[in-house]
Amino acid sequence: MAQIRAEEAAEQHAARFEDASLRVRQSRSATSNVLRSQQREHNRLQMAERRQQGKAYQPYNRLAFRYNPGEDYSLSQHVLIGTMTVVSPYCKALKFCGETKRKCCAAGKIKLP
């Protein structure tokens, strides 16, 4: 396909380009103003919802630097801590499901008592 396009004359290229432009214009004009308006409203509502979701998580941004030991973070619906059910293959420490395998003892490089 690329070779065919590379070999076509300038007039053929212009005609093909004009054809494609015409098809796009016709397609866009076929979309009614009502449909476009509905789509814009839908997009606006989606963006507003995403902004609200982002604001809900804002207090938890960089929370580790403002940690309060008196607060039970596991009660929050925004904090998914889970239980420590995974055992490290290196030092046998209990870990959370999402933690890396090497985080506790550097993959066995650090010997714990």
N, C-alpha and C. Protein backbone atom coordinates (compact mmCIF):
# COMPACT_ATOMS: atom_id res chain seq x y z
N MET A 1 0.83 -1.19 0.00
CA MET A 1 0.00 0.00 0.00
C MET A 1 0.87 1.25 0.00
N ALA A 2 1.92 1.25 0.83
CA ALA A 2 2.80 2.42 0.91
C ALA A 2 3.53 2.62 -0.41
N GLN A 3 3.91 1.52 -1.05
CA GLN A 3 4.62 1.63 -2.32
C GLN A 3 3.70 2.19 -3.40
N ILE A 4 2.44 1.77 -3.40
CA ILE A 4 1.47 2.27 -4.39
C ILE A 4 1.28 3.76 -4.20
N ARG A 5 1.16 4.19 -2.95
CA ARG A 5 0.99 5.62 -2.68
C ARG A 5 2.24 6.41 -3.06
N ALA A 6 3.40 5.83 -2.86
CA ALA A 6 4.64 6.52 -3.19
C ALA A 6 4.78 6.71 -4.70
N GLU A 7 4.20 5.79 -5.47
CA GLU A 7 4.33 5.85 -6.92
C GLU A 7 3.22 6.66 -7.59
N GLU A 8 2.18 7.05 -6.86
CA GLU A 8 1.08 7.77 -7.50
C GLU A 8 1.48 9.21 -7.83
N ALA A 9 0.87 9.74 -8.85
CA ALA A 9 1.17 11.10 -9.30
C ALA A 9 0.58 12.10 -8.31
N ALA A 10 1.06 13.32 -8.39
CA ALA A 10 0.60 14.38 -7.50
C ALA A 10 -0.90 14.62 -7.67
N GLU A 11 -1.39 14.53 -8.93
CA GLU A 11 -2.82 14.74 -9.17
C GLU A 11 -3.65 13.64 -8.51
N GLN A 12 -3.16 12.39 -8.60
CA GLN A 12 -3.88 11.28 -7.98
C GLN A 12 -3.91 11.44 -6.45
N HIS A 13 -2.78 11.88 -5.92
CA HIS A 13 -2.70 12.09 -4.47
C HIS A 13 -3.68 13.17 -4.04
N ALA A 14 -3.73 14.26 -4.77
CA ALA A 14 -4.64 15.36 -4.44
C ALA A 14 -6.09 14.90 -4.54
N ALA A 15 -6.41 14.11 -5.56
CA ALA A 15 -7.78 13.62 -5.74
C ALA A 15 -8.16 12.67 -4.59
N ARG A 16 -7.24 11.78 -4.22
CA ARG A 16 -7.50 10.85 -3.12
C ARG A 16 -7.68 11.61 -1.81
N PHE A 17 -6.85 12.60 -1.59
CA PHE A 17 -6.93 13.42 -0.38
C PHE A 17 -8.25 14.19 -0.34
N GLU A 18 -8.66 14.76 -1.48
CA GLU A 18 -9.93 15.50 -1.55
C GLU A 18 -11.11 14.58 -1.30
N ASP A 19 -11.04 13.36 -1.84
CA ASP A 19 -12.09 12.36 -1.60
C ASP A 19 -12.23 12.05 -0.11
N ALA A 20 -11.11 11.84 0.53
CA ALA A 20 -11.13 11.53 1.96
C ALA A 20 -11.68 12.70 2.76
N SER A 21 -11.28 13.91 2.41
CA SER A 21 -11.77 15.11 3.09
C SER A 21 -13.28 15.25 2.94
N LEU A 22 -13.77 14.98 1.73
CA LEU A 22 -15.20 15.08 1.47
C LEU A 22 -15.98 14.07 2.31
N ARG A 23 -15.45 12.84 2.40
CA ARG A 23 -16.12 11.81 3.20
C ARG A 23 -16.18 12.22 4.68
N VAL A 24 -15.11 12.79 5.18
CA VAL A 24 -15.08 13.22 6.58
C VAL A 24 -16.08 14.35 6.81
N ARG A 25 -16.12 15.32 5.89
CA ARG A 25 -17.07 16.44 6.03
C ARG A 25 -18.50 15.95 6.00
N GLN A 26 -18.80 15.01 5.09
CA GLN A 26 -20.15 14.47 5.01
C GLN A 26 -20.52 13.71 6.28
N SER A 27 -19.59 12.96 6.80
CA SER A 27 -19.84 12.20 8.02
C SER A 27 -20.12 13.13 9.19
N ARG A 28 -19.34 14.19 9.28
CA ARG A 28 -19.53 15.14 10.38
C ARG A 28 -20.83 15.91 10.23
N SER A 29 -21.20 16.26 9.01
CA SER A 29 -22.44 17.01 8.83
C SER A 29 -23.66 16.11 9.05
N ALA A 30 -23.49 14.80 8.87
CA ALA A 30 -24.60 13.88 9.10
C ALA A 30 -24.92 13.75 10.59
N THR A 31 -23.92 14.01 11.42
CA THR A 31 -24.15 13.97 12.86
C THR A 31 -24.96 15.20 13.23
N SER A 32 -26.10 14.98 13.80
CA SER A 32 -26.99 16.10 14.10
C SER A 32 -26.46 16.93 15.26
N ASN A 33 -26.94 18.16 15.32
CA ASN A 33 -26.55 19.04 16.41
C ASN A 33 -27.02 18.49 17.75
N VAL A 34 -28.16 17.84 17.75
CA VAL A 34 -28.69 17.26 18.98
C VAL A 34 -27.75 16.17 19.50
N LEU A 35 -27.30 15.31 18.58
CA LEU A 35 -26.40 14.24 18.97
C LEU A 35 -25.09 14.80 19.49
N ARG A 36 -24.57 15.81 18.82
CA ARG A 36 -23.33 16.45 19.27
C ARG A 36 -23.51 17.06 20.65
N SER A 37 -24.65 17.70 20.86
CA SER A 37 -24.95 18.33 22.15
C SER A 37 -25.03 17.27 23.25
N GLN A 38 -25.66 16.15 22.94
CA GLN A 38 -25.76 15.06 23.92
C GLN A 38 -24.37 14.51 24.26
N GLN A 39 -23.55 14.38 23.24
CA GLN A 39 -22.19 13.86 23.46
C GLN A 39 -21.38 14.82 24.33
N ARG A 40 -21.50 16.12 24.06
CA ARG A 40 -20.78 17.12 24.86
C ARG A 40 -21.24 17.07 26.32
N GLU A 41 -22.55 16.96 26.53
CA GLU A 41 -23.09 16.89 27.89
C GLU A 41 -22.60 15.64 28.61
N HIS A 42 -22.59 14.52 27.89
CA HIS A 42 -22.08 13.27 28.46
C HIS A 42 -20.61 13.42 28.86
N ASN A 43 -19.81 14.01 27.98
CA ASN A 43 -18.39 14.21 28.27
C ASN A 43 -18.21 15.14 29.47
N ARG A 44 -19.03 16.19 29.55
CA ARG A 44 -18.94 17.14 30.65
C ARG A 44 -19.23 16.45 31.98
N LEU A 45 -20.27 15.61 32.00
CA LEU A 45 -20.63 14.89 33.22
C LEU A 45 -19.54 13.90 33.64
N GLN A 46 -18.96 13.23 32.65
CA GLN A 46 -17.87 12.29 32.95
C GLN A 46 -16.68 13.01 33.56
N MET A 47 -16.33 14.15 32.99
CA MET A 47 -15.19 14.91 33.52
C MET A 47 -15.48 15.40 34.94
N ALA A 48 -16.70 15.87 35.19
CA ALA A 48 -17.06 16.33 36.53
C ALA A 48 -16.97 15.18 37.54
N GLU A 49 -17.41 13.99 37.12
CA GLU A 49 -17.35 12.82 38.00
C GLU A 49 -15.90 12.45 38.29
N ARG A 50 -15.05 12.49 37.29
CA ARG A 50 -13.63 12.16 37.50
C ARG A 50 -12.96 13.17 38.42
N ARG A 51 -13.32 14.43 38.28
CA ARG A 51 -12.75 15.45 39.17
C ARG A 51 -13.16 15.19 40.62
N GLN A 52 -14.43 14.83 40.81
CA GLN A 52 -14.92 14.54 42.16
C GLN A 52 -14.20 13.33 42.75
N GLN A 53 -13.98 12.31 41.93
CA GLN A 53 -13.27 11.12 42.41
C GLN A 53 -11.84 11.49 42.81
N GLY A 54 -11.21 12.35 42.02
CA GLY A 54 -9.86 12.79 42.34
C GLY A 54 -9.81 13.56 43.65
N LYS A 55 -10.83 14.38 43.90
CA LYS A 55 -10.88 15.15 45.15
C LYS A 55 -11.08 14.25 46.35
N ALA A 56 -11.79 13.15 46.17
CA ALA A 56 -12.02 12.22 47.27
C ALA A 56 -10.71 11.59 47.74
N TYR A 57 -9.76 11.40 46.84
CA TYR A 57 -8.48 10.79 47.18
C TYR A 57 -7.44 11.82 47.60
N GLN A 58 -7.72 13.09 47.44
CA GLN A 58 -6.75 14.15 47.72
C GLN A 58 -6.19 14.09 49.14
N PRO A 59 -7.01 13.88 50.18
CA PRO A 59 -6.45 13.84 51.53
C PRO A 59 -5.47 12.68 51.74
N TYR A 60 -5.51 11.68 50.88
CA TYR A 60 -4.64 10.52 51.03
C TYR A 60 -3.34 10.66 50.24
N ASN A 61 -3.20 11.74 49.51
CA ASN A 61 -1.98 11.97 48.74
C ASN A 61 -0.81 12.20 49.69
N ARG A 62 0.23 11.41 49.55
CA ARG A 62 1.44 11.50 50.37
C ARG A 62 1.13 11.33 51.86
N LEU A 63 0.16 10.50 52.17
CA LEU A 63 -0.29 10.29 53.54
C LEU A 63 0.81 9.68 54.42
N ALA A 64 1.68 8.91 53.84
CA ALA A 64 2.74 8.28 54.63
C ALA A 64 3.62 9.32 55.32
N PHE A 65 3.71 10.52 54.76
CA PHE A 65 4.52 11.56 55.36
C PHE A 65 3.78 12.30 56.47
N ARG A 66 2.48 12.07 56.59
CA ARG A 66 1.66 12.71 57.63
C ARG A 66 0.97 11.64 58.48
N TYR A 67 1.58 10.51 58.64
CA TYR A 67 0.96 9.37 59.31
C TYR A 67 0.60 9.70 60.76
N ASN A 68 -0.60 9.32 61.16
CA ASN A 68 -1.07 9.51 62.52
C ASN A 68 -1.34 8.13 63.11
N PRO A 69 -0.53 7.67 64.06
CA PRO A 69 -0.72 6.32 64.60
C PRO A 69 -2.04 6.14 65.33
N GLY A 70 -2.69 7.23 65.73
CA GLY A 70 -3.96 7.13 66.43
C GLY A 70 -5.14 6.90 65.52
N GLU A 71 -4.95 7.06 64.22
CA GLU A 71 -6.06 6.90 63.27
C GLU A 71 -6.04 5.50 62.66
N ASP A 72 -7.22 4.89 62.57
CA ASP A 72 -7.33 3.56 61.98
C ASP A 72 -7.64 3.71 60.48
N TYR A 73 -6.61 3.66 59.66
CA TYR A 73 -6.77 3.87 58.22
C TYR A 73 -7.51 2.73 57.53
N SER A 74 -7.53 1.57 58.15
CA SER A 74 -8.19 0.43 57.51
C SER A 74 -9.71 0.60 57.46
N LEU A 75 -10.26 1.55 58.22
CA LEU A 75 -11.70 1.79 58.20
C LEU A 75 -12.12 2.63 56.99
N SER A 76 -11.18 3.28 56.35
CA SER A 76 -11.49 4.14 55.20
C SER A 76 -11.73 3.29 53.95
N GLN A 77 -12.72 3.68 53.16
CA GLN A 77 -12.99 2.97 51.91
C GLN A 77 -11.94 3.27 50.85
N HIS A 78 -11.13 4.31 51.06
CA HIS A 78 -10.13 4.69 50.07
C HIS A 78 -8.78 4.02 50.31
N VAL A 79 -8.62 3.42 51.48
CA VAL A 79 -7.37 2.76 51.81
C VAL A 79 -7.62 1.26 51.80
N LEU A 80 -6.98 0.58 50.88
CA LEU A 80 -7.14 -0.87 50.76
C LEU A 80 -5.87 -1.54 51.28
N ILE A 81 -5.83 -1.78 52.57
CA ILE A 81 -4.63 -2.34 53.18
C ILE A 81 -4.63 -3.86 53.07
N GLY A 82 -5.74 -4.48 53.39
CA GLY A 82 -5.82 -5.93 53.33
C GLY A 82 -5.18 -6.58 54.54
N THR A 83 -4.93 -7.86 54.45
CA THR A 83 -4.32 -8.59 55.56
C THR A 83 -2.95 -9.09 55.14
N MET A 84 -2.13 -9.34 56.15
CA MET A 84 -0.78 -9.83 55.88
C MET A 84 -0.86 -11.36 55.79
N THR A 85 -0.99 -11.85 54.58
CA THR A 85 -1.15 -13.29 54.39
C THR A 85 -0.03 -13.92 53.58
N VAL A 86 0.83 -13.10 53.00
CA VAL A 86 1.91 -13.62 52.16
C VAL A 86 3.17 -13.77 53.01
N VAL A 87 3.83 -14.89 52.89
CA VAL A 87 5.06 -15.14 53.64
C VAL A 87 6.25 -14.97 52.71
N SER A 88 7.22 -14.18 53.16
CA SER A 88 8.43 -13.95 52.36
C SER A 88 9.20 -15.26 52.22
N PRO A 89 9.62 -15.61 51.00
CA PRO A 89 10.38 -16.85 50.83
C PRO A 89 11.79 -16.76 51.40
N TYR A 90 12.26 -15.55 51.68
CA TYR A 90 13.64 -15.36 52.14
C TYR A 90 13.75 -15.34 53.66
N CYS A 91 12.89 -14.53 54.33
CA CYS A 91 13.03 -14.36 55.78
C CYS A 91 11.79 -14.80 56.54
N LYS A 92 10.80 -15.30 55.84
CA LYS A 92 9.55 -15.79 56.42
C LYS A 92 8.73 -14.70 57.11
N ALA A 93 8.95 -13.45 56.76
CA ALA A 93 8.17 -12.34 57.31
C ALA A 93 6.80 -12.31 56.65
N LEU A 94 5.79 -11.89 57.41
CA LEU A 94 4.46 -11.72 56.83
C LEU A 94 4.41 -10.42 56.06
N LYS A 95 3.77 -10.46 54.90
CA LYS A 95 3.72 -9.29 54.03
C LYS A 95 2.31 -9.12 53.49
N PHE A 96 2.04 -7.91 52.98
CA PHE A 96 0.77 -7.66 52.31
C PHE A 96 0.84 -8.23 50.90
N CYS A 97 -0.29 -8.50 50.32
CA CYS A 97 -0.36 -9.13 49.00
C CYS A 97 0.36 -8.33 47.92
N GLY A 98 0.25 -7.01 47.94
CA GLY A 98 0.83 -6.19 46.88
C GLY A 98 2.29 -5.83 47.06
N GLU A 99 2.90 -6.21 48.17
CA GLU A 99 4.29 -5.84 48.42
C GLU A 99 5.23 -6.66 47.54
N THR A 100 6.38 -6.08 47.25
CA THR A 100 7.37 -6.81 46.45
C THR A 100 7.99 -7.92 47.29
N LYS A 101 8.51 -8.92 46.65
CA LYS A 101 9.09 -10.06 47.35
C LYS A 101 10.36 -9.68 48.10
N ARG A 102 11.07 -8.69 47.63
CA ARG A 102 12.38 -8.36 48.18
C ARG A 102 12.36 -7.21 49.19
N LYS A 103 11.21 -6.65 49.46
CA LYS A 103 11.15 -5.42 50.25
C LYS A 103 11.59 -5.61 51.71
N CYS A 104 11.29 -6.74 52.32
CA CYS A 104 11.54 -6.90 53.75
C CYS A 104 13.02 -7.12 54.08
N CYS A 105 13.71 -7.96 53.32
CA CYS A 105 15.09 -8.31 53.68
C CYS A 105 16.03 -8.24 52.49
N ALA A 106 15.66 -7.47 51.48
CA ALA A 106 16.49 -7.31 50.27
C ALA A 106 16.82 -8.66 49.66
N ALA A 107 15.80 -9.50 49.51
CA ALA A 107 15.92 -10.82 48.88
C ALA A 107 16.95 -11.70 49.58
N GLY A 108 16.95 -11.67 50.92
CA GLY A 108 17.84 -12.53 51.68
C GLY A 108 19.21 -11.96 51.92
N LYS A 109 19.51 -10.77 51.43
CA LYS A 109 20.82 -10.15 51.62
C LYS A 109 21.01 -9.65 53.04
N ILE A 110 19.90 -9.31 53.70
CA ILE A 110 19.95 -8.85 55.08
C ILE A 110 19.44 -9.99 55.95
N LYS A 111 20.23 -10.41 56.90
CA LYS A 111 19.84 -11.50 57.78
C LYS A 111 19.19 -10.91 59.02
N LEU A 112 17.93 -11.28 59.23
CA LEU A 112 17.19 -10.81 60.39
C LEU A 112 17.39 -11.77 61.56
N PRO A 113 17.39 -11.25 62.82
CA PRO A 113 17.60 -12.14 63.98
C PRO A 113 16.41 -13.07 64.19
